[in-house]
Amino acid sequence: LEAELDECRKNWDHRDDFWKDREEELRRILHVEKER
């Protein structure tokens, strides 16, 4: 259970990076659509 908790904490720490990357990708897609 401690190993599982550590894995969840590690994934939670990387969650912000994932959402930042996803947000940048969505902004880029929105910009491309707006330009089109």
Full PDB file with SEQRES, HELIX, SHEET, SSBOND, CRYST1, ORIGX, SCALE, CONECT and MASTER records, all heavy atoms in Angstrom:
SEQRES   1 A   36  LEU GLU ALA GLU LEU ASP GLU CYS ARG LYS ASN TRP ASP          
SEQRES   2 A   36  HIS ARG ASP ASP PHE TRP LYS ASP ARG GLU GLU GLU LEU          
SEQRES   3 A   36  ARG ARG ILE LEU HIS VAL GLU LYS GLU ARG                      
HELIX    1 AA1 GLU A    2  GLU A   35  1                                  34    
CRYST1    1.000    1.000    1.000  90.00  90.00  90.00 P 1           1          
ORIGX1      1.000000  0.000000  0.000000        0.00000                         
ORIGX2      0.000000  1.000000  0.000000        0.00000                         
ORIGX3      0.000000  0.000000  1.000000        0.00000                         
SCALE1      1.000000  0.000000  0.000000        0.00000                         
SCALE2      0.000000  1.000000  0.000000        0.00000                         
SCALE3      0.000000  0.000000  1.000000        0.00000                         
ATOM      1  N   LEU A   1       0.821  -1.209   0.000  1.00  0.00           N  
ATOM      2  CA  LEU A   1       0.000   0.000   0.000  1.00  0.00           C  
ATOM      3  C   LEU A   1       0.857   1.261   0.000  1.00  0.00           C  
ATOM      4  O   LEU A   1       0.511   2.259  -0.637  1.00  0.00           O  
ATOM      5  CB  LEU A   1      -0.951  -0.008   1.198  1.00  0.00           C  
ATOM      6  CG  LEU A   1      -2.092  -1.018   1.121  1.00  0.00           C  
ATOM      7  CD1 LEU A   1      -2.864  -1.041   2.434  1.00  0.00           C  
ATOM      8  CD2 LEU A   1      -3.011  -0.715  -0.030  1.00  0.00           C  
ATOM      9  N   GLU A   2       1.977   1.229   0.727  1.00  0.00           N  
ATOM     10  CA  GLU A   2       2.883   2.384   0.724  1.00  0.00           C  
ATOM     11  C   GLU A   2       3.477   2.604  -0.659  1.00  0.00           C  
ATOM     12  O   GLU A   2       3.614   3.745  -1.113  1.00  0.00           O  
ATOM     13  CB  GLU A   2       3.986   2.190   1.762  1.00  0.00           C  
ATOM     14  CG  GLU A   2       3.517   2.384   3.187  1.00  0.00           C  
ATOM     15  CD  GLU A   2       4.591   2.050   4.208  1.00  0.00           C  
ATOM     16  OE1 GLU A   2       5.617   1.416   3.843  1.00  0.00           O  
ATOM     17  OE2 GLU A   2       4.381   2.407   5.382  1.00  0.00           O  
ATOM     18  N   ALA A   3       3.833   1.521  -1.343  1.00  0.00           N  
ATOM     19  CA  ALA A   3       4.366   1.647  -2.709  1.00  0.00           C  
ATOM     20  C   ALA A   3       3.296   2.225  -3.632  1.00  0.00           C  
ATOM     21  O   ALA A   3       3.587   3.080  -4.476  1.00  0.00           O  
ATOM     22  CB  ALA A   3       4.843   0.290  -3.216  1.00  0.00           C  
ATOM     23  N   GLU A   4       2.062   1.772  -3.470  1.00  0.00           N  
ATOM     24  CA  GLU A   4       0.965   2.300  -4.284  1.00  0.00           C  
ATOM     25  C   GLU A   4       0.732   3.778  -3.996  1.00  0.00           C  
ATOM     26  O   GLU A   4       0.498   4.574  -4.908  1.00  0.00           O  
ATOM     27  CB  GLU A   4      -0.307   1.498  -3.994  1.00  0.00           C  
ATOM     28  CG  GLU A   4      -1.450   1.803  -4.911  1.00  0.00           C  
ATOM     29  CD  GLU A   4      -2.657   0.916  -4.638  1.00  0.00           C  
ATOM     30  OE1 GLU A   4      -2.489  -0.194  -4.110  1.00  0.00           O  
ATOM     31  OE2 GLU A   4      -3.777   1.349  -4.982  1.00  0.00           O  
ATOM     32  N   LEU A   5       0.826   4.153  -2.716  1.00  0.00           N  
ATOM     33  CA  LEU A   5       0.671   5.559  -2.337  1.00  0.00           C  
ATOM     34  C   LEU A   5       1.791   6.412  -2.935  1.00  0.00           C  
ATOM     35  O   LEU A   5       1.541   7.509  -3.442  1.00  0.00           O  
ATOM     36  CB  LEU A   5       0.653   5.694  -0.815  1.00  0.00           C  
ATOM     37  CG  LEU A   5       0.519   7.104  -0.252  1.00  0.00           C  
ATOM     38  CD1 LEU A   5      -0.816   7.721  -0.669  1.00  0.00           C  
ATOM     39  CD2 LEU A   5       0.636   7.081   1.264  1.00  0.00           C  
ATOM     40  N   ASP A   6       3.019   5.897  -2.897  1.00  0.00           N  
ATOM     41  CA  ASP A   6       4.142   6.627  -3.501  1.00  0.00           C  
ATOM     42  C   ASP A   6       3.929   6.808  -5.000  1.00  0.00           C  
ATOM     43  O   ASP A   6       4.216   7.874  -5.555  1.00  0.00           O  
ATOM     44  CB  ASP A   6       5.462   5.893  -3.243  1.00  0.00           C  
ATOM     45  CG  ASP A   6       5.887   5.947  -1.784  1.00  0.00           C  
ATOM     46  OD1 ASP A   6       5.358   6.824  -1.055  1.00  0.00           O  
ATOM     47  OD2 ASP A   6       6.717   5.120  -1.374  1.00  0.00           O  
ATOM     48  N   GLU A   7       3.421   5.765  -5.657  1.00  0.00           N  
ATOM     49  CA  GLU A   7       3.138   5.851  -7.097  1.00  0.00           C  
ATOM     50  C   GLU A   7       2.079   6.919  -7.372  1.00  0.00           C  
ATOM     51  O   GLU A   7       2.202   7.707  -8.305  1.00  0.00           O  
ATOM     52  CB  GLU A   7       2.679   4.488  -7.608  1.00  0.00           C  
ATOM     53  CG  GLU A   7       2.418   4.435  -9.085  1.00  0.00           C  
ATOM     54  CD  GLU A   7       3.678   4.491  -9.914  1.00  0.00           C  
ATOM     55  OE1 GLU A   7       4.760   4.145  -9.417  1.00  0.00           O  
ATOM     56  OE2 GLU A   7       3.591   4.898 -11.084  1.00  0.00           O  
ATOM     57  N   CYS A   8       1.039   6.937  -6.535  1.00  0.00           N  
ATOM     58  CA  CYS A   8      -0.017   7.946  -6.704  1.00  0.00           C  
ATOM     59  C   CYS A   8       0.537   9.350  -6.487  1.00  0.00           C  
ATOM     60  O   CYS A   8       0.191  10.277  -7.218  1.00  0.00           O  
ATOM     61  CB  CYS A   8      -1.171   7.683  -5.737  1.00  0.00           C  
ATOM     62  SG  CYS A   8      -2.183   6.273  -6.189  1.00  0.00           S  
ATOM     63  N   ARG A   9       1.378   9.510  -5.478  1.00  0.00           N  
ATOM     64  CA  ARG A   9       1.982  10.827  -5.222  1.00  0.00           C  
ATOM     65  C   ARG A   9       2.851  11.264  -6.391  1.00  0.00           C  
ATOM     66  O   ARG A   9       2.836  12.422  -6.790  1.00  0.00           O  
ATOM     67  CB  ARG A   9       2.807  10.789  -3.939  1.00  0.00           C  
ATOM     68  CG  ARG A   9       1.968  10.824  -2.704  1.00  0.00           C  
ATOM     69  CD  ARG A   9       2.808  10.880  -1.461  1.00  0.00           C  
ATOM     70  NE  ARG A   9       1.969  10.906  -0.289  1.00  0.00           N  
ATOM     71  CZ  ARG A   9       2.314  10.424   0.881  1.00  0.00           C  
ATOM     72  NH1 ARG A   9       3.510   9.887   1.042  1.00  0.00           N  
ATOM     73  NH2 ARG A   9       1.495  10.481   1.902  1.00  0.00           N  
ATOM     74  N   LYS A  10       3.632  10.307  -6.938  1.00  0.00           N  
ATOM     75  CA  LYS A  10       4.495  10.633  -8.079  1.00  0.00           C  
ATOM     76  C   LYS A  10       3.640  11.046  -9.271  1.00  0.00           C  
ATOM     77  O   LYS A  10       3.936  12.046  -9.934  1.00  0.00           O  
ATOM     78  CB  LYS A  10       5.361   9.428  -8.422  1.00  0.00           C  
ATOM     79  CG  LYS A  10       6.351   9.693  -9.538  1.00  0.00           C  
ATOM     80  CD  LYS A  10       7.167   8.468  -9.825  1.00  0.00           C  
ATOM     81  CE  LYS A  10       6.360   7.601 -10.748  1.00  0.00           C  
ATOM     82  NZ  LYS A  10       7.049   6.468 -11.305  1.00  0.00           N  
ATOM     83  N   ASN A  11       2.574  10.289  -9.528  1.00  0.00           N  
ATOM     84  CA  ASN A  11       1.691  10.642 -10.637  1.00  0.00           C  
ATOM     85  C   ASN A  11       1.011  11.981 -10.393  1.00  0.00           C  
ATOM     86  O   ASN A  11       0.787  12.742 -11.323  1.00  0.00           O  
ATOM     87  CB  ASN A  11       0.642   9.548 -10.854  1.00  0.00           C  
ATOM     88  CG  ASN A  11       1.255   8.301 -11.437  1.00  0.00           C  
ATOM     89  OD1 ASN A  11       2.337   8.330 -12.006  1.00  0.00           O  
ATOM     90  ND2 ASN A  11       0.576   7.185 -11.279  1.00  0.00           N  
ATOM     91  N   TRP A  12       0.675  12.259  -9.134  1.00  0.00           N  
ATOM     92  CA  TRP A  12       0.023  13.532  -8.802  1.00  0.00           C  
ATOM     93  C   TRP A  12       0.987  14.690  -9.049  1.00  0.00           C  
ATOM     94  O   TRP A  12       0.608  15.745  -9.536  1.00  0.00           O  
ATOM     95  CB  TRP A  12      -0.427  13.518  -7.352  1.00  0.00           C  
ATOM     96  CG  TRP A  12      -1.218  14.713  -6.985  1.00  0.00           C  
ATOM     97  CD1 TRP A  12      -0.785  15.833  -6.333  1.00  0.00           C  
ATOM     98  CD2 TRP A  12      -2.602  14.965  -7.257  1.00  0.00           C  
ATOM     99  NE1 TRP A  12      -1.792  16.733  -6.178  1.00  0.00           N  
ATOM    100  CE2 TRP A  12      -2.923  16.227  -6.739  1.00  0.00           C  
ATOM    101  CE3 TRP A  12      -3.589  14.228  -7.902  1.00  0.00           C  
ATOM    102  CZ2 TRP A  12      -4.195  16.766  -6.840  1.00  0.00           C  
ATOM    103  CZ3 TRP A  12      -4.861  14.771  -7.987  1.00  0.00           C  
ATOM    104  CH2 TRP A  12      -5.140  16.026  -7.452  1.00  0.00           C  
ATOM    105  N   ASP A  13       2.275  14.477  -8.728  1.00  0.00           N  
ATOM    106  CA  ASP A  13       3.272  15.530  -8.959  1.00  0.00           C  
ATOM    107  C   ASP A  13       3.442  15.800 -10.450  1.00  0.00           C  
ATOM    108  O   ASP A  13       3.649  16.935 -10.863  1.00  0.00           O  
ATOM    109  CB  ASP A  13       4.619  15.133  -8.348  1.00  0.00           C  
ATOM    110  CG  ASP A  13       4.568  15.110  -6.826  1.00  0.00           C  
ATOM    111  OD1 ASP A  13       3.629  15.728  -6.263  1.00  0.00           O  
ATOM    112  OD2 ASP A  13       5.436  14.479  -6.211  1.00  0.00           O  
ATOM    113  N   HIS A  14       3.368  14.761 -11.277  1.00  0.00           N  
ATOM    114  CA  HIS A  14       3.538  14.935 -12.716  1.00  0.00           C  
ATOM    115  C   HIS A  14       2.248  15.378 -13.398  1.00  0.00           C  
ATOM    116  O   HIS A  14       2.247  15.712 -14.577  1.00  0.00           O  
ATOM    117  CB  HIS A  14       4.036  13.648 -13.359  1.00  0.00           C  
ATOM    118  CG  HIS A  14       5.411  13.274 -12.930  1.00  0.00           C  
ATOM    119  ND1 HIS A  14       6.501  14.077 -13.151  1.00  0.00           N  
ATOM    120  CD2 HIS A  14       5.888  12.185 -12.259  1.00  0.00           C  
ATOM    121  CE1 HIS A  14       7.584  13.510 -12.652  1.00  0.00           C  
ATOM    122  NE2 HIS A  14       7.233  12.370 -12.095  1.00  0.00           N  
ATOM    123  N   ARG A  15       1.153  15.369 -12.649  1.00  0.00           N  
ATOM    124  CA  ARG A  15      -0.146  15.756 -13.205  1.00  0.00           C  
ATOM    125  C   ARG A  15      -0.106  17.195 -13.711  1.00  0.00           C  
ATOM    126  O   ARG A  15      -0.617  17.501 -14.785  1.00  0.00           O  
ATOM    127  CB  ARG A  15      -1.223  15.617 -12.119  1.00  0.00           C  
ATOM    128  CG  ARG A  15      -2.573  16.093 -12.505  1.00  0.00           C  
ATOM    129  CD  ARG A  15      -3.490  16.063 -11.299  1.00  0.00           C  
ATOM    130  NE  ARG A  15      -2.994  16.854 -10.212  1.00  0.00           N  
ATOM    131  CZ  ARG A  15      -3.285  18.144 -10.024  1.00  0.00           C  
ATOM    132  NH1 ARG A  15      -4.078  18.767 -10.837  1.00  0.00           N  
ATOM    133  NH2 ARG A  15      -2.769  18.809  -9.011  1.00  0.00           N  
ATOM    134  N   ASP A  16       0.539  18.098 -12.953  1.00  0.00           N  
ATOM    135  CA  ASP A  16       0.621  19.496 -13.374  1.00  0.00           C  
ATOM    136  C   ASP A  16       1.337  19.634 -14.708  1.00  0.00           C  
ATOM    137  O   ASP A  16       0.903  20.400 -15.573  1.00  0.00           O  
ATOM    138  CB  ASP A  16       1.341  20.325 -12.305  1.00  0.00           C  
ATOM    139  CG  ASP A  16       0.511  20.470 -11.041  1.00  0.00           C  
ATOM    140  OD1 ASP A  16      -0.730  20.329 -11.128  1.00  0.00           O  
ATOM    141  OD2 ASP A  16       1.087  20.718  -9.978  1.00  0.00           O  
ATOM    142  N   ASP A  17       2.430  18.887 -14.873  1.00  0.00           N  
ATOM    143  CA  ASP A  17       3.149  18.931 -16.148  1.00  0.00           C  
ATOM    144  C   ASP A  17       2.272  18.443 -17.287  1.00  0.00           C  
ATOM    145  O   ASP A  17       2.254  19.033 -18.371  1.00  0.00           O  
ATOM    146  CB  ASP A  17       4.416  18.062 -16.077  1.00  0.00           C  
ATOM    147  CG  ASP A  17       5.407  18.579 -15.052  1.00  0.00           C  
ATOM    148  OD1 ASP A  17       5.335  19.786 -14.734  1.00  0.00           O  
ATOM    149  OD2 ASP A  17       6.230  17.780 -14.573  1.00  0.00           O  
ATOM    150  N   PHE A  18       1.534  17.368 -17.042  1.00  0.00           N  
ATOM    151  CA  PHE A  18       0.649  16.831 -18.078  1.00  0.00           C  
ATOM    152  C   PHE A  18      -0.401  17.860 -18.469  1.00  0.00           C  
ATOM    153  O   PHE A  18      -0.650  18.089 -19.646  1.00  0.00           O  
ATOM    154  CB  PHE A  18      -0.032  15.549 -17.584  1.00  0.00           C  
ATOM    155  CG  PHE A  18      -1.138  15.080 -18.484  1.00  0.00           C  
ATOM    156  CD1 PHE A  18      -0.842  14.436 -19.681  1.00  0.00           C  
ATOM    157  CD2 PHE A  18      -2.464  15.289 -18.156  1.00  0.00           C  
ATOM    158  CE1 PHE A  18      -1.854  14.006 -20.517  1.00  0.00           C  
ATOM    159  CE2 PHE A  18      -3.485  14.858 -18.989  1.00  0.00           C  
ATOM    160  CZ  PHE A  18      -3.174  14.224 -20.170  1.00  0.00           C  
ATOM    161  N   TRP A  19      -1.024  18.488 -17.459  1.00  0.00           N  
ATOM    162  CA  TRP A  19      -2.081  19.453 -17.772  1.00  0.00           C  
ATOM    163  C   TRP A  19      -1.523  20.693 -18.451  1.00  0.00           C  
ATOM    164  O   TRP A  19      -2.171  21.279 -19.305  1.00  0.00           O  
ATOM    165  CB  TRP A  19      -2.853  19.831 -16.514  1.00  0.00           C  
ATOM    166  CG  TRP A  19      -3.831  18.770 -16.143  1.00  0.00           C  
ATOM    167  CD1 TRP A  19      -3.785  17.953 -15.060  1.00  0.00           C  
ATOM    168  CD2 TRP A  19      -4.989  18.371 -16.877  1.00  0.00           C  
ATOM    169  NE1 TRP A  19      -4.831  17.084 -15.068  1.00  0.00           N  
ATOM    170  CE2 TRP A  19      -5.596  17.314 -16.179  1.00  0.00           C  
ATOM    171  CE3 TRP A  19      -5.571  18.797 -18.072  1.00  0.00           C  
ATOM    172  CZ2 TRP A  19      -6.744  16.693 -16.625  1.00  0.00           C  
ATOM    173  CZ3 TRP A  19      -6.729  18.172 -18.504  1.00  0.00           C  
ATOM    174  CH2 TRP A  19      -7.303  17.140 -17.787  1.00  0.00           C  
ATOM    175  N   LYS A  20      -0.305  21.109 -18.092  1.00  0.00           N  
ATOM    176  CA  LYS A  20       0.310  22.253 -18.775  1.00  0.00           C  
ATOM    177  C   LYS A  20       0.552  21.920 -20.246  1.00  0.00           C  
ATOM    178  O   LYS A  20       0.268  22.727 -21.129  1.00  0.00           O  
ATOM    179  CB  LYS A  20       1.620  22.634 -18.089  1.00  0.00           C  
ATOM    180  CG  LYS A  20       1.415  23.378 -16.792  1.00  0.00           C  
ATOM    181  CD  LYS A  20       2.738  23.691 -16.139  1.00  0.00           C  
ATOM    182  CE  LYS A  20       2.520  24.307 -14.776  1.00  0.00           C  
ATOM    183  NZ  LYS A  20       3.771  24.485 -14.046  1.00  0.00           N  
ATOM    184  N   ASP A  21       1.085  20.714 -20.490  1.00  0.00           N  
ATOM    185  CA  ASP A  21       1.309  20.294 -21.877  1.00  0.00           C  
ATOM    186  C   ASP A  21      -0.007  20.224 -22.633  1.00  0.00           C  
ATOM    187  O   ASP A  21      -0.112  20.661 -23.782  1.00  0.00           O  
ATOM    188  CB  ASP A  21       1.999  18.924 -21.920  1.00  0.00           C  
ATOM    189  CG  ASP A  21       3.414  18.972 -21.387  1.00  0.00           C  
ATOM    190  OD1 ASP A  21       3.961  20.091 -21.279  1.00  0.00           O  
ATOM    191  OD2 ASP A  21       3.962  17.902 -21.064  1.00  0.00           O  
ATOM    192  N   ARG A  22      -1.021  19.677 -22.009  1.00  0.00           N  
ATOM    193  CA  ARG A  22      -2.339  19.559 -22.655  1.00  0.00           C  
ATOM    194  C   ARG A  22      -2.927  20.942 -22.924  1.00  0.00           C  
ATOM    195  O   ARG A  22      -3.504  21.182 -23.988  1.00  0.00           O  
ATOM    196  CB  ARG A  22      -3.268  18.743 -21.744  1.00  0.00           C  
ATOM    197  CG  ARG A  22      -4.635  18.526 -22.310  1.00  0.00           C  
ATOM    198  CD  ARG A  22      -4.600  17.560 -23.464  1.00  0.00           C  
ATOM    199  NE  ARG A  22      -5.959  17.355 -23.941  1.00  0.00           N  
ATOM    200  CZ  ARG A  22      -6.300  17.179 -25.180  1.00  0.00           C  
ATOM    201  NH1 ARG A  22      -5.366  17.131 -26.109  1.00  0.00           N  
ATOM    202  NH2 ARG A  22      -7.536  17.016 -25.536  1.00  0.00           N  
ATOM    203  N   GLU A  23      -2.766  21.857 -21.964  1.00  0.00           N  
ATOM    204  CA  GLU A  23      -3.286  23.218 -22.143  1.00  0.00           C  
ATOM    205  C   GLU A  23      -2.575  23.922 -23.299  1.00  0.00           C  
ATOM    206  O   GLU A  23      -3.221  24.582 -24.123  1.00  0.00           O  
ATOM    207  CB  GLU A  23      -3.099  24.001 -20.841  1.00  0.00           C  
ATOM    208  CG  GLU A  23      -3.697  25.370 -20.859  1.00  0.00           C  
ATOM    209  CD  GLU A  23      -3.499  26.101 -19.545  1.00  0.00           C  
ATOM    210  OE1 GLU A  23      -2.789  25.597 -18.664  1.00  0.00           O  
ATOM    211  OE2 GLU A  23      -4.057  27.202 -19.423  1.00  0.00           O  
ATOM    212  N   GLU A  24      -1.252  23.753 -23.382  1.00  0.00           N  
ATOM    213  CA  GLU A  24      -0.505  24.356 -24.491  1.00  0.00           C  
ATOM    214  C   GLU A  24      -0.958  23.774 -25.829  1.00  0.00           C  
ATOM    215  O   GLU A  24      -1.111  24.506 -26.818  1.00  0.00           O  
ATOM    216  CB  GLU A  24       0.992  24.124 -24.291  1.00  0.00           C  
ATOM    217  CG  GLU A  24       1.593  24.981 -23.188  1.00  0.00           C  
ATOM    218  CD  GLU A  24       3.046  24.609 -22.924  1.00  0.00           C  
ATOM    219  OE1 GLU A  24       3.656  23.906 -23.755  1.00  0.00           O  
ATOM    220  OE2 GLU A  24       3.558  25.027 -21.877  1.00  0.00           O  
ATOM    221  N   GLU A  25      -1.175  22.478 -25.858  1.00  0.00           N  
ATOM    222  CA  GLU A  25      -1.627  21.846 -27.096  1.00  0.00           C  
ATOM    223  C   GLU A  25      -3.007  22.368 -27.502  1.00  0.00           C  
ATOM    224  O   GLU A  25      -3.247  22.681 -28.668  1.00  0.00           O  
ATOM    225  CB  GLU A  25      -1.686  20.328 -26.900  1.00  0.00           C  
ATOM    226  CG  GLU A  25      -2.139  19.579 -28.131  1.00  0.00           C  
ATOM    227  CD  GLU A  25      -2.251  18.087 -27.881  1.00  0.00           C  
ATOM    228  OE1 GLU A  25      -1.813  17.598 -26.828  1.00  0.00           O  
ATOM    229  OE2 GLU A  25      -2.807  17.421 -28.769  1.00  0.00           O  
ATOM    230  N   LEU A  26      -3.901  22.500 -26.540  1.00  0.00           N  
ATOM    231  CA  LEU A  26      -5.238  23.016 -26.845  1.00  0.00           C  
ATOM    232  C   LEU A  26      -5.184  24.471 -27.298  1.00  0.00           C  
ATOM    233  O   LEU A  26      -5.920  24.869 -28.206  1.00  0.00           O  
ATOM    234  CB  LEU A  26      -6.150  22.870 -25.623  1.00  0.00           C  
ATOM    235  CG  LEU A  26      -6.564  21.440 -25.280  1.00  0.00           C  
ATOM    236  CD1 LEU A  26      -7.336  21.416 -23.977  1.00  0.00           C  
ATOM    237  CD2 LEU A  26      -7.377  20.822 -26.387  1.00  0.00           C  
ATOM    238  N   ARG A  27      -4.314  25.263 -26.684  1.00  0.00           N  
ATOM    239  CA  ARG A  27      -4.164  26.658 -27.120  1.00  0.00           C  
ATOM    240  C   ARG A  27      -3.645  26.725 -28.550  1.00  0.00           C  
ATOM    241  O   ARG A  27      -4.093  27.542 -29.353  1.00  0.00           O  
ATOM    242  CB  ARG A  27      -3.207  27.404 -26.186  1.00  0.00           C  
ATOM    243  CG  ARG A  27      -3.861  27.821 -24.916  1.00  0.00           C  
ATOM    244  CD  ARG A  27      -2.974  28.733 -24.122  1.00  0.00           C  
ATOM    245  NE  ARG A  27      -3.660  29.112 -22.905  1.00  0.00           N  
ATOM    246  CZ  ARG A  27      -3.070  29.408 -21.786  1.00  0.00           C  
ATOM    247  NH1 ARG A  27      -1.754  29.388 -21.720  1.00  0.00           N  
ATOM    248  NH2 ARG A  27      -3.758  29.749 -20.721  1.00  0.00           N  
ATOM    249  N   ARG A  28      -2.683  25.868 -28.856  1.00  0.00           N  
ATOM    250  CA  ARG A  28      -2.137  25.841 -30.216  1.00  0.00           C  
ATOM    251  C   ARG A  28      -3.221  25.449 -31.220  1.00  0.00           C  
ATOM    252  O   ARG A  28      -3.373  26.075 -32.272  1.00  0.00           O  
ATOM    253  CB  ARG A  28      -0.961  24.862 -30.281  1.00  0.00           C  
ATOM    254  CG  ARG A  28      -0.275  24.820 -31.635  1.00  0.00           C  
ATOM    255  CD  ARG A  28       0.760  23.722 -31.702  1.00  0.00           C  
ATOM    256  NE  ARG A  28       0.225  22.409 -31.426  1.00  0.00           N  
ATOM    257  CZ  ARG A  28      -0.484  21.682 -32.290  1.00  0.00           C  
ATOM    258  NH1 ARG A  28      -0.769  22.155 -33.484  1.00  0.00           N  
ATOM    259  NH2 ARG A  28      -0.918  20.485 -31.962  1.00  0.00           N  
ATOM    260  N   ILE A  29      -3.989  24.421 -30.896  1.00  0.00           N  
ATOM    261  CA  ILE A  29      -5.068  23.985 -31.782  1.00  0.00           C  
ATOM    262  C   ILE A  29      -6.095  25.099 -31.953  1.00  0.00           C  
ATOM    263  O   ILE A  29      -6.562  25.368 -33.070  1.00  0.00           O  
ATOM    264  CB  ILE A  29      -5.729  22.702 -31.226  1.00  0.00           C  
ATOM    265  CG1 ILE A  29      -4.767  21.525 -31.347  1.00  0.00           C  
ATOM    266  CG2 ILE A  29      -7.030  22.399 -31.950  1.00  0.00           C  
ATOM    267  CD1 ILE A  29      -5.220  20.276 -30.619  1.00  0.00           C  
ATOM    268  N   LEU A  30      -6.440  25.763 -30.862  1.00  0.00           N  
ATOM    269  CA  LEU A  30      -7.402  26.864 -30.929  1.00  0.00           C  
ATOM    270  C   LEU A  30      -6.864  27.992 -31.795  1.00  0.00           C  
ATOM    271  O   LEU A  30      -7.599  28.571 -32.615  1.00  0.00           O  
ATOM    272  CB  LEU A  30      -7.715  27.377 -29.517  1.00  0.00           C  
ATOM    273  CG  LEU A  30      -8.724  28.500 -29.405  1.00  0.00           C  
ATOM    274  CD1 LEU A  30     -10.089  28.047 -29.898  1.00  0.00           C  
ATOM    275  CD2 LEU A  30      -8.820  28.986 -27.971  1.00  0.00           C  
ATOM    276  N   HIS A  31      -5.572  28.302 -31.645  1.00  0.00           N  
ATOM    277  CA  HIS A  31      -4.957  29.362 -32.445  1.00  0.00           C  
ATOM    278  C   HIS A  31      -4.995  28.988 -33.929  1.00  0.00           C  
ATOM    279  O   HIS A  31      -5.323  29.833 -34.789  1.00  0.00           O  
ATOM    280  CB  HIS A  31      -3.518  29.590 -31.979  1.00  0.00           C  
ATOM    281  CG  HIS A  31      -2.816  30.669 -32.731  1.00  0.00           C  
ATOM    282  ND1 HIS A  31      -3.131  31.996 -32.603  1.00  0.00           N  
ATOM    283  CD2 HIS A  31      -1.806  30.614 -33.635  1.00  0.00           C  
ATOM    284  CE1 HIS A  31      -2.356  32.709 -33.392  1.00  0.00           C  
ATOM    285  NE2 HIS A  31      -1.540  31.902 -34.036  1.00  0.00           N  
ATOM    286  N   VAL A  32      -4.689  27.748 -34.255  1.00  0.00           N  
ATOM    287  CA  VAL A  32      -4.711  27.295 -35.652  1.00  0.00           C  
ATOM    288  C   VAL A  32      -6.128  27.389 -36.215  1.00  0.00           C  
ATOM    289  O   VAL A  32      -6.344  27.872 -37.338  1.00  0.00           O  
ATOM    290  CB  VAL A  32      -4.165  25.853 -35.764  1.00  0.00           C  
ATOM    291  CG1 VAL A  32      -4.470  25.246 -37.114  1.00  0.00           C  
ATOM    292  CG2 VAL A  32      -2.670  25.824 -35.485  1.00  0.00           C  
ATOM    293  N   GLU A  33      -7.106  26.951 -35.429  1.00  0.00           N  
ATOM    294  CA  GLU A  33      -8.503  27.029 -35.879  1.00  0.00           C  
ATOM    295  C   GLU A  33      -8.936  28.476 -36.071  1.00  0.00           C  
ATOM    296  O   GLU A  33      -9.624  28.814 -37.044  1.00  0.00           O  
ATOM    297  CB  GLU A  33      -9.432  26.336 -34.867  1.00  0.00           C  
ATOM    298  CG  GLU A  33      -9.314  24.838 -34.835  1.00  0.00           C  
ATOM    299  CD  GLU A  33      -9.799  24.201 -36.116  1.00  0.00           C  
ATOM    300  OE1 GLU A  33     -10.803  24.680 -36.687  1.00  0.00           O  
ATOM    301  OE2 GLU A  33      -9.170  23.220 -36.552  1.00  0.00           O  
ATOM    302  N   LYS A  34      -8.523  29.342 -35.155  1.00  0.00           N  
ATOM    303  CA  LYS A  34      -8.888  30.757 -35.247  1.00  0.00           C  
ATOM    304  C   LYS A  34      -8.263  31.380 -36.489  1.00  0.00           C  
ATOM    305  O   LYS A  34      -8.924  32.144 -37.212  1.00  0.00           O  
ATOM    306  CB  LYS A  34      -8.410  31.493 -33.993  1.00  0.00           C  
ATOM    307  CG  LYS A  34      -9.121  32.798 -33.748  1.00  0.00           C  
ATOM    308  CD  LYS A  34      -8.542  33.526 -32.544  1.00  0.00           C  
ATOM    309  CE  LYS A  34      -9.045  32.937 -31.272  1.00  0.00           C  
ATOM    310  NZ  LYS A  34      -8.593  33.698 -30.083  1.00  0.00           N  
ATOM    311  N   GLU A  35      -6.995  31.048 -36.757  1.00  0.00           N  
ATOM    312  CA  GLU A  35      -6.323  31.565 -37.951  1.00  0.00           C  
ATOM    313  C   GLU A  35      -7.011  31.062 -39.220  1.00  0.00           C  
ATOM    314  O   GLU A  35      -7.202  31.813 -40.178  1.00  0.00           O  
ATOM    315  CB  GLU A  35      -4.843  31.156 -37.954  1.00  0.00           C  
ATOM    316  CG  GLU A  35      -4.001  31.880 -36.948  1.00  0.00           C  
ATOM    317  CD  GLU A  35      -3.901  33.364 -37.240  1.00  0.00           C  
ATOM    318  OE1 GLU A  35      -3.784  33.747 -38.424  1.00  0.00           O  
ATOM    319  OE2 GLU A  35      -3.945  34.149 -36.275  1.00  0.00           O  
ATOM    320  N   ARG A  36      -7.422  29.810 -39.224  1.00  0.00           N  
ATOM    321  CA  ARG A  36      -8.105  29.239 -40.382  1.00  0.00           C  
ATOM    322  C   ARG A  36      -9.439  29.951 -40.602  1.00  0.00           C  
ATOM    323  O   ARG A  36      -9.784  30.301 -41.734  1.00  0.00           O  
ATOM    324  CB  ARG A  36      -8.325  27.741 -40.170  1.00  0.00           C  
ATOM    325  CG  ARG A  36      -8.876  27.047 -41.402  1.00  0.00           C  
ATOM    326  CD  ARG A  36      -9.059  25.552 -41.199  1.00  0.00           C  
ATOM    327  NE  ARG A  36      -7.799  24.919 -40.845  1.00  0.00           N  
ATOM    328  CZ  ARG A  36      -7.688  23.917 -39.977  1.00  0.00           C  
ATOM    329  NH1 ARG A  36      -8.756  23.447 -39.378  1.00  0.00           N  
ATOM    330  NH2 ARG A  36      -6.519  23.393 -39.714  1.00  0.00           N  
TER     331      ARG A  36                                                      
MASTER        0    0    0    1    0    0    0    6  330    1    0    3          
END                                                                             
